[in-house]
C-alpha atoms as a PDB file:
ATOM      1  CA  MET A   1       0.000   0.000   0.000  1.00  0.00           C
ATOM      2  CA  LYS A   2       2.888   2.398   0.647  1.00  0.00           C
ATOM      3  CA  ILE A   3       3.814   2.555  -3.068  1.00  0.00           C
ATOM      4  CA  ILE A   4       0.192   3.248  -3.990  1.00  0.00           C
ATOM      5  CA  ASP A   5      -0.259   5.879  -1.278  1.00  0.00           C
ATOM      6  CA  THR A   6       3.018   7.583  -2.186  1.00  0.00           C
ATOM      7  CA  SER A   7       2.218   7.626  -5.912  1.00  0.00           C
ATOM      8  CA  ILE A   8      -1.261   9.062  -5.357  1.00  0.00           C
ATOM      9  CA  SER A   9       0.049  11.642  -2.897  1.00  0.00           C
ATOM     10  CA  GLU A  10       2.802  12.741  -5.312  1.00  0.00           C
ATOM     11  CA  HIS A  11       0.296  12.950  -8.173  1.00  0.00           C
ATOM     12  CA  ILE A  12      -2.096  15.121  -6.177  1.00  0.00           C
ATOM     13  CA  GLN A  13       0.728  17.383  -5.006  1.00  0.00           C
ATOM     14  CA  ILE A  14       2.031  17.957  -8.543  1.00  0.00           C
ATOM     15  CA  VAL A  15      -1.430  18.434 -10.041  1.00  0.00           C
ATOM     16  CA  ASN A  16      -2.105  21.046  -7.361  1.00  0.00           C
ATOM     17  CA  SER A  17       1.108  22.827  -8.383  1.00  0.00           C
ATOM     18  CA  LEU A  18      -0.313  23.317 -11.903  1.00  0.00           C
ATOM     19  CA  ASP A  19      -2.065  26.445 -10.618  1.00  0.00           C
ATOM     20  CA  SER A  20       1.253  28.192 -11.289  1.00  0.00           C
ATOM     21  CA  ILE A  21       1.080  27.381 -15.032  1.00  0.00           C
ATOM     22  CA  LYS A  22      -2.652  27.715 -15.750  1.00  0.00           C
ATOM     23  CA  LYS A  23      -2.025  30.780 -17.919  1.00  0.00           C
ATOM     24  CA  ASP A  24       0.509  28.834 -20.026  1.00  0.00           C
ATOM     25  CA  ILE A  25      -1.967  25.972 -20.469  1.00  0.00           C
ATOM     26  CA  GLU A  26      -4.691  28.406 -21.513  1.00  0.00           C
ATOM     27  CA  THR A  27      -2.341  30.157 -23.952  1.00  0.00           C
ATOM     28  CA  LEU A  28      -1.469  26.843 -25.620  1.00  0.00           C
ATOM     29  CA  ALA A  29      -5.105  25.708 -25.723  1.00  0.00           C
ATOM     30  CA  LYS A  30      -6.223  28.975 -27.327  1.00  0.00           C
ATOM     31  CA  LYS A  31      -3.359  28.814 -29.833  1.00  0.00           C
ATOM     32  CA  ALA A  32      -4.376  25.244 -30.758  1.00  0.00           C
ATOM     33  CA  VAL A  33      -7.947  26.418 -31.398  1.00  0.00           C
ATOM     34  CA  GLU A  34      -6.749  29.459 -33.365  1.00  0.00           C
ATOM     35  CA  THR A  35      -4.457  27.256 -35.470  1.00  0.00           C
ATOM     36  CA  LEU A  36      -7.243  24.832 -36.337  1.00  0.00           C
ATOM     37  CA  LYS A  37      -9.792  27.592 -36.995  1.00  0.00           C
ATOM     38  CA  GLY A  38      -7.254  29.191 -39.336  1.00  0.00           C
ATOM     39  CA  GLY A  39      -7.116  26.032 -41.440  1.00  0.00           C
ATOM     40  CA  ARG A  40      -3.639  25.139 -40.181  1.00  0.00           C
ATOM     41  CA  LYS A  41      -2.497  21.859 -38.617  1.00  0.00           C
ATOM     42  CA  ILE A  42      -0.906  20.694 -35.379  1.00  0.00           C
ATOM     43  CA  LEU A  43       2.246  18.555 -35.543  1.00  0.00           C
ATOM     44  CA  ILE A  44       3.299  16.743 -32.372  1.00  0.00           C
ATOM     45  CA  MET A  45       6.527  14.941 -31.464  1.00  0.00           C
ATOM     46  CA  GLY A  46       7.988  13.078 -28.499  1.00  0.00           C
ATOM     47  CA  ASN A  47      10.227  10.151 -27.540  1.00  0.00           C
ATOM     48  CA  GLY A  48       9.325   6.981 -25.625  1.00  0.00           C
ATOM     49  CA  GLY A  49       6.230   7.562 -23.489  1.00  0.00           C
ATOM     50  CA  SER A  50       6.003  11.066 -24.932  1.00  0.00           C
ATOM     51  CA  ALA A  51       5.829   9.502 -28.409  1.00  0.00           C
ATOM     52  CA  ALA A  52       2.763   7.596 -27.246  1.00  0.00           C
ATOM     53  CA  ASP A  53       1.384  10.830 -25.766  1.00  0.00           C
ATOM     54  CA  SER A  54       1.895  12.626 -29.081  1.00  0.00           C
ATOM     55  CA  GLN A  55      -0.068   9.889 -30.851  1.00  0.00           C
ATOM     56  CA  HIS A  56      -2.811  10.083 -28.226  1.00  0.00           C
ATOM     57  CA  PHE A  57      -2.977  13.883 -28.645  1.00  0.00           C
ATOM     58  CA  ALA A  58      -3.158  13.707 -32.458  1.00  0.00           C
ATOM     59  CA  ALA A  59      -5.861  11.022 -32.328  1.00  0.00           C
ATOM     60  CA  GLU A  60      -8.030  13.091 -29.970  1.00  0.00           C
ATOM     61  CA  ILE A  61      -7.829  16.026 -32.398  1.00  0.00           C
ATOM     62  CA  ALA A  62      -8.110  14.164 -35.710  1.00  0.00           C
ATOM     63  CA  VAL A  63     -10.816  11.715 -34.663  1.00  0.00           C
ATOM     64  CA  ARG A  64     -12.645  12.976 -31.589  1.00  0.00           C
ATOM     65  CA  TYR A  65     -12.223  13.680 -27.934  1.00  0.00           C
ATOM     66  CA  LYS A  66     -15.595  13.616 -26.161  1.00  0.00           C
ATOM     67  CA  MET A  67     -18.003  14.747 -28.819  1.00  0.00           C
ATOM     68  CA  ASN A  68     -18.715  14.260 -32.470  1.00  0.00           C
ATOM     69  CA  ARG A  69     -17.320  17.106 -34.515  1.00  0.00           C
ATOM     70  CA  ARG A  70     -15.548  17.408 -37.816  1.00  0.00           C
ATOM     71  CA  ALA A  71     -12.124  15.830 -38.110  1.00  0.00           C
ATOM     72  CA  LEU A  72      -9.294  18.289 -37.528  1.00  0.00           C
ATOM     73  CA  PRO A  73      -5.719  18.143 -38.861  1.00  0.00           C
ATOM     74  CA  ALA A  74      -3.170  16.800 -36.366  1.00  0.00           C
ATOM     75  CA  ILE A  75      -0.150  14.619 -37.072  1.00  0.00           C
ATOM     76  CA  ALA A  76       1.983  12.643 -34.624  1.00  0.00           C
ATOM     77  CA  LEU A  77       5.474  12.675 -36.099  1.00  0.00           C
ATOM     78  CA  THR A  78       6.318   9.511 -34.168  1.00  0.00           C
ATOM     79  CA  THR A  79       4.256   7.035 -36.164  1.00  0.00           C
ATOM     80  CA  ASP A  80       5.934   6.512 -39.532  1.00  0.00           C
ATOM     81  CA  THR A  81       8.691   3.966 -38.927  1.00  0.00           C
ATOM     82  CA  SER A  82       9.998   4.214 -42.477  1.00  0.00           C
ATOM     83  CA  ILE A  83      10.553   7.955 -42.155  1.00  0.00           C
ATOM     84  CA  LEU A  84      11.973   7.616 -38.641  1.00  0.00           C
ATOM     85  CA  THR A  85      14.449   4.906 -39.609  1.00  0.00           C
ATOM     86  CA  ALA A  86      15.423   6.548 -42.906  1.00  0.00           C
ATOM     87  CA  ALA A  87      16.109   9.886 -41.212  1.00  0.00           C
ATOM     88  CA  GLY A  88      17.937   8.145 -38.365  1.00  0.00           C
ATOM     89  CA  ASN A  89      20.046   6.107 -40.770  1.00  0.00           C
ATOM     90  CA  ASP A  90      20.709   8.727 -43.445  1.00  0.00           C
ATOM     91  CA  TYR A  91      21.213  11.672 -41.060  1.00  0.00           C
ATOM     92  CA  SER A  92      21.009  10.857 -37.337  1.00  0.00           C
ATOM     93  CA  PHE A  93      18.423  10.183 -34.647  1.00  0.00           C
ATOM     94  CA  ASP A  94      18.721  13.875 -33.776  1.00  0.00           C
ATOM     95  CA  MET A  95      17.146  14.740 -37.153  1.00  0.00           C
ATOM     96  CA  ILE A  96      14.094  12.432 -37.166  1.00  0.00           C
ATOM     97  CA  PHE A  97      11.621  15.208 -36.379  1.00  0.00           C
ATOM     98  CA  SER A  98      13.280  18.147 -38.127  1.00  0.00           C
ATOM     99  CA  ARG A  99      13.214  16.287 -41.452  1.00  0.00           C
ATOM    100  CA  GLN A 100       9.481  15.601 -41.085  1.00  0.00           C
ATOM    101  CA  ILE A 101       8.742  19.180 -40.064  1.00  0.00           C
ATOM    102  CA  GLU A 102      10.678  20.417 -43.077  1.00  0.00           C
ATOM    103  CA  ALA A 103       8.509  18.179 -45.278  1.00  0.00           C
ATOM    104  CA  LEU A 104       5.100  18.678 -43.627  1.00  0.00           C
ATOM    105  CA  ALA A 105       4.946  22.022 -41.813  1.00  0.00           C
ATOM    106  CA  SER A 106       3.819  25.365 -43.149  1.00  0.00           C
ATOM    107  CA  ALA A 107       3.925  28.833 -41.657  1.00  0.00           C
ATOM    108  CA  ASP A 108       1.460  29.293 -38.778  1.00  0.00           C
ATOM    109  CA  ASP A 109       1.114  25.558 -38.104  1.00  0.00           C
ATOM    110  CA  LEU A 110       1.467  24.686 -34.424  1.00  0.00           C
ATOM    111  CA  VAL A 111       4.376  22.362 -33.590  1.00  0.00           C
ATOM    112  CA  VAL A 112       4.310  20.797 -30.120  1.00  0.00           C
ATOM    113  CA  GLY A 113       7.314  18.991 -28.662  1.00  0.00           C
ATOM    114  CA  ILE A 114       6.712  16.767 -25.645  1.00  0.00           C
ATOM    115  CA  SER A 115       9.821  16.222 -23.525  1.00  0.00           C
ATOM    116  CA  THR A 116       9.829  15.324 -19.845  1.00  0.00           C
ATOM    117  CA  SER A 117      13.418  16.579 -19.508  1.00  0.00           C
ATOM    118  CA  GLY A 118      13.256  19.482 -21.942  1.00  0.00           C
ATOM    119  CA  MET A 119      16.622  18.311 -23.240  1.00  0.00           C
ATOM    120  CA  SER A 120      15.773  15.973 -26.155  1.00  0.00           C
ATOM    121  CA  LYS A 121      18.075  16.871 -29.033  1.00  0.00           C
ATOM    122  CA  ASN A 122      15.687  15.615 -31.724  1.00  0.00           C
ATOM    123  CA  ILE A 123      12.845  17.705 -30.243  1.00  0.00           C
ATOM    124  CA  THR A 124      15.166  20.733 -30.009  1.00  0.00           C
ATOM    125  CA  ASN A 125      16.144  20.323 -33.680  1.00  0.00           C
ATOM    126  CA  GLY A 126      12.502  19.898 -34.668  1.00  0.00           C
ATOM    127  CA  ILE A 127      11.545  23.110 -32.872  1.00  0.00           C
ATOM    128  CA  LYS A 128      14.410  24.993 -34.514  1.00  0.00           C
ATOM    129  CA  THR A 129      13.290  23.814 -37.954  1.00  0.00           C
ATOM    130  CA  ALA A 130       9.681  24.784 -37.173  1.00  0.00           C
ATOM    131  CA  ARG A 131      10.777  28.270 -36.138  1.00  0.00           C
ATOM    132  CA  LYS A 132      12.674  28.694 -39.434  1.00  0.00           C
ATOM    133  CA  LEU A 133       9.446  27.815 -41.241  1.00  0.00           C
ATOM    134  CA  LYS A 134       7.572  30.429 -39.150  1.00  0.00           C
ATOM    135  CA  CYS A 135       5.493  27.888 -37.256  1.00  0.00           C
ATOM    136  CA  ILE A 136       4.197  28.565 -33.766  1.00  0.00           C
ATOM    137  CA  THR A 137       6.083  26.343 -31.334  1.00  0.00           C
ATOM    138  CA  SER A 138       5.265  24.919 -27.929  1.00  0.00           C
ATOM    139  CA  GLY A 139       6.759  22.447 -25.516  1.00  0.00           C
ATOM    140  CA  LEU A 140       5.043  20.264 -22.945  1.00  0.00           C
ATOM    141  CA  LEU A 141       8.024  19.970 -20.649  1.00  0.00           C
ATOM    142  CA  GLY A 142       9.156  18.784 -17.244  1.00  0.00           C
ATOM    143  CA  CYS A 143      11.867  19.550 -14.730  1.00  0.00           C
ATOM    144  CA  GLU A 144      12.787  23.181 -15.332  1.00  0.00           C
ATOM    145  CA  GLY A 145      12.043  23.058 -19.053  1.00  0.00           C
ATOM    146  CA  GLY A 146      15.609  22.375 -20.164  1.00  0.00           C
ATOM    147  CA  ASP A 147      16.934  23.875 -23.384  1.00  0.00           C
ATOM    148  CA  ILE A 148      13.571  23.603 -25.106  1.00  0.00           C
ATOM    149  CA  LYS A 149      11.871  26.068 -22.746  1.00  0.00           C
ATOM    150  CA  ASP A 150      14.038  28.875 -24.092  1.00  0.00           C
ATOM    151  CA  ILE A 151      13.377  28.247 -27.792  1.00  0.00           C
ATOM    152  CA  VAL A 152       9.591  27.689 -27.946  1.00  0.00           C
ATOM    153  CA  ASP A 153       6.935  30.366 -28.195  1.00  0.00           C
ATOM    154  CA  ILE A 154       4.714  28.723 -25.568  1.00  0.00           C
ATOM    155  CA  PRO A 155       6.527  26.690 -22.906  1.00  0.00           C
ATOM    156  CA  VAL A 156       4.291  24.668 -20.587  1.00  0.00           C
ATOM    157  CA  THR A 157       6.597  23.328 -17.912  1.00  0.00           C
ATOM    158  CA  ILE A 158       5.426  20.956 -15.184  1.00  0.00           C
ATOM    159  CA  PRO A 159       7.194  22.073 -11.989  1.00  0.00           C
ATOM    160  CA  SER A 160       8.581  18.644 -11.119  1.00  0.00           C
ATOM    161  CA  SER A 161      11.522  16.381 -11.905  1.00  0.00           C
ATOM    162  CA  ASN A 162       9.478  13.236 -11.189  1.00  0.00           C
ATOM    163  CA  ILE A 163       9.171  11.945 -14.766  1.00  0.00           C
ATOM    164  CA  ALA A 164       6.167   9.678 -14.108  1.00  0.00           C
ATOM    165  CA  ARG A 165       4.204  12.541 -12.546  1.00  0.00           C
ATOM    166  CA  VAL A 166       5.272  14.897 -15.356  1.00  0.00           C
ATOM    167  CA  GLN A 167       3.894  12.427 -17.923  1.00  0.00           C
ATOM    168  CA  GLU A 168       0.602  12.202 -16.006  1.00  0.00           C
ATOM    169  CA  CYS A 169       0.314  15.980 -16.062  1.00  0.00           C
ATOM    170  CA  HIS A 170       1.086  16.087 -19.784  1.00  0.00           C
ATOM    171  CA  ILE A 171      -1.903  13.822 -20.424  1.00  0.00           C
ATOM    172  CA  LEU A 172      -4.083  16.064 -18.237  1.00  0.00           C
ATOM    173  CA  ILE A 173      -2.972  19.114 -20.226  1.00  0.00           C
ATOM    174  CA  ILE A 174      -3.566  17.326 -23.530  1.00  0.00           C
ATOM    175  CA  HIS A 175      -7.114  16.577 -22.396  1.00  0.00           C
ATOM    176  CA  ILE A 176      -7.646  20.195 -21.283  1.00  0.00           C
ATOM    177  CA  ILE A 177      -6.552  21.385 -24.740  1.00  0.00           C
ATOM    178  CA  CYS A 178      -8.976  18.901 -26.313  1.00  0.00           C
ATOM    179  CA  GLU A 179     -11.775  20.313 -24.110  1.00  0.00           C
ATOM    180  CA  PHE A 180     -11.032  23.770 -25.551  1.00  0.00           C
ATOM    181  CA  ILE A 181     -11.051  22.358 -29.096  1.00  0.00           C
ATOM    182  CA  ASP A 182     -14.318  20.474 -28.566  1.00  0.00           C
ATOM    183  CA  GLY A 183     -15.899  23.633 -27.161  1.00  0.00           C
ATOM    184  CA  GLU A 184     -14.963  25.656 -30.229  1.00  0.00           C
ATOM    185  CA  PHE A 185     -15.894  23.063 -32.849  1.00  0.00           C
ATOM    186  CA  ASP A 186     -19.161  21.867 -31.303  1.00  0.00           C
ATOM    187  CA  GLU A 187     -21.543  20.982 -34.125  1.00  0.00           C
ATOM    188  CA  SER A 188     -24.538  19.979 -32.006  1.00  0.00           C
END
């Protein structure tokens, strides 16, 4: 029971600390809505568990979150193994997202990097490429935001270095953003 109690207690404590970043969450949610209403797309990238989170996020936008609404353009850059392995082999693992952004992104698209450390080199390179293309950039980050916090337009940094709790908060924030999107694209 101690592991369960400790995990729940840590989760509650970190979720309560999100009060300090509510404005950042709202800014990102409103930018996501503005991007989609402007006919632009959202591109999302992450490694490991954050790769799964990026796929989850894109699916909630492209298919549906809670309500039926029109499909909206979102792409998880983590899903195409041929592109990932070709970029990793022909360039380096550090270039797997920047190559895709170069191919798929347009000015005013929203590019979201998910990194629990804020230090992922391939996310950093992807953000830099997105900025060159005049995309809006954001990071769902952990710890103190790492290098990525300083190069994105909208950093959303979970104030914790506990990676598991950071990931849980990223999912909460993804769902909050989807609530904003559902509210703006309600077709009922």
